[in-house]
C-alpha atoms as a PDB file:
ATOM      1  CA  MET A   1       1.914  -4.038 -45.565  1.00  0.00           C
ATOM      2  CA  ALA A   2       0.934  -3.889 -41.881  1.00  0.00           C
ATOM      3  CA  THR A   3       2.872  -5.990 -39.441  1.00  0.00           C
ATOM      4  CA  ARG A   4       0.948  -8.217 -37.090  1.00  0.00           C
ATOM      5  CA  ALA A   5       1.590  -7.755 -33.379  1.00  0.00           C
ATOM      6  CA  ILE A   6       2.574 -10.996 -31.734  1.00  0.00           C
ATOM      7  CA  PRO A   7       0.809 -11.513 -28.381  1.00  0.00           C
ATOM      8  CA  LYS A   8       3.058 -11.831 -25.331  1.00  0.00           C
ATOM      9  CA  ALA A   9       2.611 -13.980 -22.249  1.00  0.00           C
ATOM     10  CA  LYS A  10       1.247 -12.239 -19.167  1.00  0.00           C
ATOM     11  CA  THR A  11       2.013 -13.124 -15.575  1.00  0.00           C
ATOM     12  CA  PHE A  12      -0.147 -12.481 -12.528  1.00  0.00           C
ATOM     13  CA  SER A  13      -0.025 -13.049  -8.794  1.00  0.00           C
ATOM     14  CA  MET A  14      -2.608 -14.266  -6.304  1.00  0.00           C
ATOM     15  CA  LYS A  15      -1.071 -12.244  -3.461  1.00  0.00           C
ATOM     16  CA  MET A  16      -4.208 -10.993  -1.757  1.00  0.00           C
ATOM     17  CA  PRO A  17      -4.916  -9.996   1.842  1.00  0.00           C
ATOM     18  CA  LEU A  18      -6.986 -12.275   4.040  1.00  0.00           C
ATOM     19  CA  LEU A  19     -10.031 -10.668   5.642  1.00  0.00           C
ATOM     20  CA  SER A  20     -11.582 -10.401   9.078  1.00  0.00           C
ATOM     21  CA  ASP A  21     -14.907  -9.318   7.517  1.00  0.00           C
ATOM     22  CA  GLY A  22     -16.545  -8.972   4.102  1.00  0.00           C
ATOM     23  CA  ARG A  23     -15.195 -10.011   0.731  1.00  0.00           C
ATOM     24  CA  SER A  24     -12.766  -8.805  -1.923  1.00  0.00           C
ATOM     25  CA  ASP A  25     -12.582  -9.247  -5.671  1.00  0.00           C
ATOM     26  CA  ARG A  26      -9.575  -8.311  -7.809  1.00  0.00           C
ATOM     27  CA  MET A  27      -9.000  -8.586 -11.555  1.00  0.00           C
ATOM     28  CA  LEU A  28      -5.693 -10.438 -11.881  1.00  0.00           C
ATOM     29  CA  CYS A  29      -5.332 -10.728 -15.647  1.00  0.00           C
ATOM     30  CA  ARG A  30      -7.441 -10.418 -18.788  1.00  0.00           C
ATOM     31  CA  THR A  31      -7.426 -10.674 -22.556  1.00  0.00           C
ATOM     32  CA  GLU A  32     -10.207 -10.065 -25.066  1.00  0.00           C
ATOM     33  CA  SER A  33     -11.602 -13.545 -24.431  1.00  0.00           C
ATOM     34  CA  VAL A  34     -10.604 -14.552 -20.869  1.00  0.00           C
ATOM     35  CA  GLN A  35     -10.540 -12.934 -17.451  1.00  0.00           C
ATOM     36  CA  ILE A  36      -9.028 -14.244 -14.211  1.00  0.00           C
ATOM     37  CA  ARG A  37     -10.122 -12.822 -10.848  1.00  0.00           C
ATOM     38  CA  GLY A  38      -8.921 -13.455  -7.308  1.00  0.00           C
ATOM     39  CA  LYS A  39     -11.659 -13.529  -4.659  1.00  0.00           C
ATOM     40  CA  VAL A  40     -11.497 -13.732  -0.850  1.00  0.00           C
ATOM     41  CA  TYR A  41     -14.482 -14.185   1.487  1.00  0.00           C
ATOM     42  CA  ALA A  42     -14.273 -13.919   5.277  1.00  0.00           C
ATOM     43  CA  GLN A  43     -17.851 -15.227   5.322  1.00  0.00           C
ATOM     44  CA  GLY A  44     -20.853 -15.263   3.012  1.00  0.00           C
ATOM     45  CA  GLY A  45     -20.427 -15.689  -0.706  1.00  0.00           C
ATOM     46  CA  GLU A  46     -22.604 -14.984  -3.717  1.00  0.00           C
ATOM     47  CA  ASN A  47     -25.728 -15.535  -1.717  1.00  0.00           C
ATOM     48  CA  THR A  48     -28.563 -15.156  -4.191  1.00  0.00           C
ATOM     49  CA  LEU A  49     -29.442 -17.516  -7.024  1.00  0.00           C
ATOM     50  CA  HIS A  50     -28.290 -16.094 -10.362  1.00  0.00           C
ATOM     51  CA  THR A  51     -26.781 -16.964 -13.721  1.00  0.00           C
ATOM     52  CA  HIS A  52     -24.533 -15.390 -16.323  1.00  0.00           C
ATOM     53  CA  THR A  53     -26.470 -15.658 -19.563  1.00  0.00           C
ATOM     54  CA  ARG A  54     -23.521 -15.347 -21.963  1.00  0.00           C
ATOM     55  CA  GLN A  55     -20.488 -16.283 -19.878  1.00  0.00           C
ATOM     56  CA  ASP A  56     -18.969 -19.650 -19.069  1.00  0.00           C
ATOM     57  CA  HIS A  57     -16.965 -19.449 -15.859  1.00  0.00           C
ATOM     58  CA  SER A  58     -15.262 -21.573 -13.252  1.00  0.00           C
ATOM     59  CA  PHE A  59     -14.228 -21.287  -9.614  1.00  0.00           C
ATOM     60  CA  PHE A  60     -11.096 -23.007  -8.279  1.00  0.00           C
ATOM     61  CA  ILE A  61     -10.733 -23.194  -4.488  1.00  0.00           C
ATOM     62  CA  LEU A  62      -7.302 -22.397  -3.059  1.00  0.00           C
ATOM     63  CA  ASN A  63      -8.229 -22.166   0.632  1.00  0.00           C
ATOM     64  CA  GLY A  64     -11.289 -22.791   2.776  1.00  0.00           C
ATOM     65  CA  GLN A  65     -14.498 -24.502   1.718  1.00  0.00           C
ATOM     66  CA  ALA A  66     -17.340 -23.435  -0.572  1.00  0.00           C
ATOM     67  CA  THR A  67     -20.816 -24.911  -0.851  1.00  0.00           C
ATOM     68  CA  PHE A  68     -22.476 -24.315  -4.218  1.00  0.00           C
ATOM     69  CA  HIS A  69     -26.269 -24.549  -4.622  1.00  0.00           C
ATOM     70  CA  ASP A  70     -28.187 -24.901  -7.880  1.00  0.00           C
ATOM     71  CA  GLU A  71     -31.788 -23.865  -8.601  1.00  0.00           C
ATOM     72  CA  ASP A  72     -33.042 -27.192  -7.172  1.00  0.00           C
ATOM     73  CA  GLU A  73     -30.932 -26.744  -3.995  1.00  0.00           C
ATOM     74  CA  ASN A  74     -28.575 -29.580  -4.967  1.00  0.00           C
ATOM     75  CA  LEU A  75     -25.334 -29.017  -3.033  1.00  0.00           C
ATOM     76  CA  THR A  76     -21.735 -29.318  -4.177  1.00  0.00           C
ATOM     77  CA  VAL A  77     -19.128 -28.903  -1.435  1.00  0.00           C
ATOM     78  CA  LEU A  78     -15.612 -28.061  -2.607  1.00  0.00           C
ATOM     79  CA  GLY A  79     -12.347 -27.737  -0.726  1.00  0.00           C
ATOM     80  CA  PRO A  80      -8.804 -26.740  -1.638  1.00  0.00           C
ATOM     81  CA  LEU A  81      -7.624 -27.714  -5.110  1.00  0.00           C
ATOM     82  CA  GLU A  82     -11.179 -28.490  -6.287  1.00  0.00           C
ATOM     83  CA  GLY A  83     -13.261 -26.524  -8.752  1.00  0.00           C
ATOM     84  CA  ILE A  84     -16.576 -26.159 -10.518  1.00  0.00           C
ATOM     85  CA  LEU A  85     -17.410 -25.201 -14.114  1.00  0.00           C
ATOM     86  CA  LEU A  86     -20.588 -23.166 -14.627  1.00  0.00           C
ATOM     87  CA  PRO A  87     -21.678 -22.978 -18.278  1.00  0.00           C
ATOM     88  CA  ALA A  88     -23.555 -19.868 -19.413  1.00  0.00           C
ATOM     89  CA  GLY A  89     -27.157 -20.144 -18.193  1.00  0.00           C
ATOM     90  CA  ALA A  90     -26.407 -22.426 -15.198  1.00  0.00           C
ATOM     91  CA  TYR A  91     -28.053 -21.065 -12.037  1.00  0.00           C
ATOM     92  CA  TYR A  92     -26.080 -21.115  -8.792  1.00  0.00           C
ATOM     93  CA  TRP A  93     -25.198 -19.403  -5.560  1.00  0.00           C
ATOM     94  CA  PHE A  94     -22.425 -20.245  -3.119  1.00  0.00           C
ATOM     95  CA  GLN A  95     -21.272 -19.555   0.382  1.00  0.00           C
ATOM     96  CA  SER A  96     -18.113 -19.977   2.412  1.00  0.00           C
ATOM     97  CA  THR A  97     -18.745 -22.951   4.719  1.00  0.00           C
ATOM     98  CA  GLY A  98     -15.290 -23.547   6.190  1.00  0.00           C
ATOM     99  CA  ASP A  99     -13.555 -22.248   9.305  1.00  0.00           C
ATOM    100  CA  GLU A 100     -11.138 -19.979   7.433  1.00  0.00           C
ATOM    101  CA  ASN A 101     -11.202 -17.466   4.592  1.00  0.00           C
ATOM    102  CA  LEU A 102     -12.501 -18.820   1.308  1.00  0.00           C
ATOM    103  CA  VAL A 103      -9.879 -17.953  -1.311  1.00  0.00           C
ATOM    104  CA  LEU A 104     -10.606 -18.779  -4.919  1.00  0.00           C
ATOM    105  CA  LEU A 105      -9.731 -18.051  -8.505  1.00  0.00           C
ATOM    106  CA  ARG A 106     -12.514 -17.225 -10.961  1.00  0.00           C
ATOM    107  CA  PHE A 107     -11.814 -17.971 -14.613  1.00  0.00           C
ATOM    108  CA  ALA A 108     -14.300 -16.629 -17.166  1.00  0.00           C
ATOM    109  CA  GLY A 109     -14.760 -16.532 -20.883  1.00  0.00           C
ATOM    110  CA  ARG A 110     -15.656 -12.980 -21.914  1.00  0.00           C
ATOM    111  CA  PHE A 111     -18.366 -12.362 -24.443  1.00  0.00           C
ATOM    112  CA  ASP A 112     -17.896  -9.695 -27.099  1.00  0.00           C
ATOM    113  CA  GLU A 113     -18.142  -6.304 -25.353  1.00  0.00           C
ATOM    114  CA  ALA A 114     -19.701  -4.768 -28.491  1.00  0.00           C
ATOM    115  CA  GLU A 115     -22.659  -7.128 -28.143  1.00  0.00           C
ATOM    116  CA  LYS A 116     -23.030  -6.558 -24.416  1.00  0.00           C
ATOM    117  CA  ILE A 117     -26.384  -5.049 -23.521  1.00  0.00           C
ATOM    118  CA  GLY A 118     -26.207  -4.311 -19.830  1.00  0.00           C
ATOM    119  CA  ASP A 119     -24.831  -6.941 -17.462  1.00  0.00           C
ATOM    120  CA  ASP A 120     -25.388 -10.588 -18.365  1.00  0.00           C
ATOM    121  CA  ARG A 121     -25.823 -11.486 -14.663  1.00  0.00           C
ATOM    122  CA  VAL A 122     -29.506 -12.060 -13.908  1.00  0.00           C
ATOM    123  CA  ASP A 123     -31.627 -13.492 -11.078  1.00  0.00           C
ATOM    124  CA  ILE A 124     -34.006 -16.456 -11.380  1.00  0.00           C
ATOM    125  CA  ASP A 125     -36.729 -14.180 -12.812  1.00  0.00           C
ATOM    126  CA  GLY A 126     -34.419 -12.782 -15.523  1.00  0.00           C
ATOM    127  CA  ASN A 127     -33.979  -9.391 -13.829  1.00  0.00           C
ATOM    128  CA  PRO A 128     -30.548  -7.697 -13.881  1.00  0.00           C
ATOM    129  CA  PHE A 129     -28.598  -8.640 -10.765  1.00  0.00           C
ATOM    130  CA  PRO A 130     -25.248  -6.838 -10.328  1.00  0.00           C
ATOM    131  CA  GLY A 131     -22.691  -8.692  -8.215  1.00  0.00           C
ATOM    132  CA  ASP A 132     -22.193  -5.759  -5.863  1.00  0.00           C
ATOM    133  CA  SER A 133     -25.900  -5.279  -5.137  1.00  0.00           C
ATOM    134  CA  LEU A 134     -27.163  -5.299  -1.551  1.00  0.00           C
ATOM    135  CA  ALA A 135     -29.413  -8.229  -2.482  1.00  0.00           C
ATOM    136  CA  ASN A 136     -26.217 -10.191  -3.149  1.00  0.00           C
ATOM    137  CA  LYS A 137     -25.122  -9.430   0.403  1.00  0.00           C
ATOM    138  CA  GLY A 138     -22.070  -7.472  -0.711  1.00  0.00           C
ATOM    139  CA  GLY A 139     -20.066  -5.863   2.019  1.00  0.00           C
ATOM    140  CA  ARG A 140     -16.979  -3.817   2.668  1.00  0.00           C
ATOM    141  CA  ALA A 141     -13.773  -5.858   2.938  1.00  0.00           C
ATOM    142  CA  VAL A 142     -11.876  -5.518   6.223  1.00  0.00           C
ATOM    143  CA  GLU A 143      -8.316  -6.769   5.904  1.00  0.00           C
ATOM    144  CA  SER A 144      -6.965  -8.930   8.721  1.00  0.00           C
ATOM    145  CA  GLY A 145      -3.326  -7.932   8.223  1.00  0.00           C
ATOM    146  CA  LEU A 146      -2.465 -11.416   6.926  1.00  0.00           C
ATOM    147  CA  GLN A 147      -1.613 -12.314   3.330  1.00  0.00           C
ATOM    148  CA  PHE A 148      -2.836 -15.412   1.477  1.00  0.00           C
ATOM    149  CA  GLN A 149       0.022 -17.812   0.795  1.00  0.00           C
ATOM    150  CA  LEU A 150       0.110 -21.388  -0.410  1.00  0.00           C
END
């Protein structure tokens, strides 16, 4: 008889460098069904309307200010200790709109990797739209020498 492995708790840290330019994205922790990422933006954001067709996800602001836009250009402005839940299929884009680095946590439900056909991130026309594409205004992160701390 096979013994069942008992899952163990995992810890993670949001110790990430602040930036003087660009943006950074780091996987902090993951399981088969959830992933948690730390993200820092000196400016910009995810600047092109898109959706994740099979992934519910949420952003939680730790520092700075983010303005989220939907497909109708409705705005949601969030500051520290505020968040937004984006169900699979919800269109959005966001930008850092504060005077300091935007620091946030991204929580996401992961869909079954075996069923994954390409990336589930698509633009408004249904075309694949990778997060690091030039159209998404990705850029090289330049660290400021400071560390994010609460």
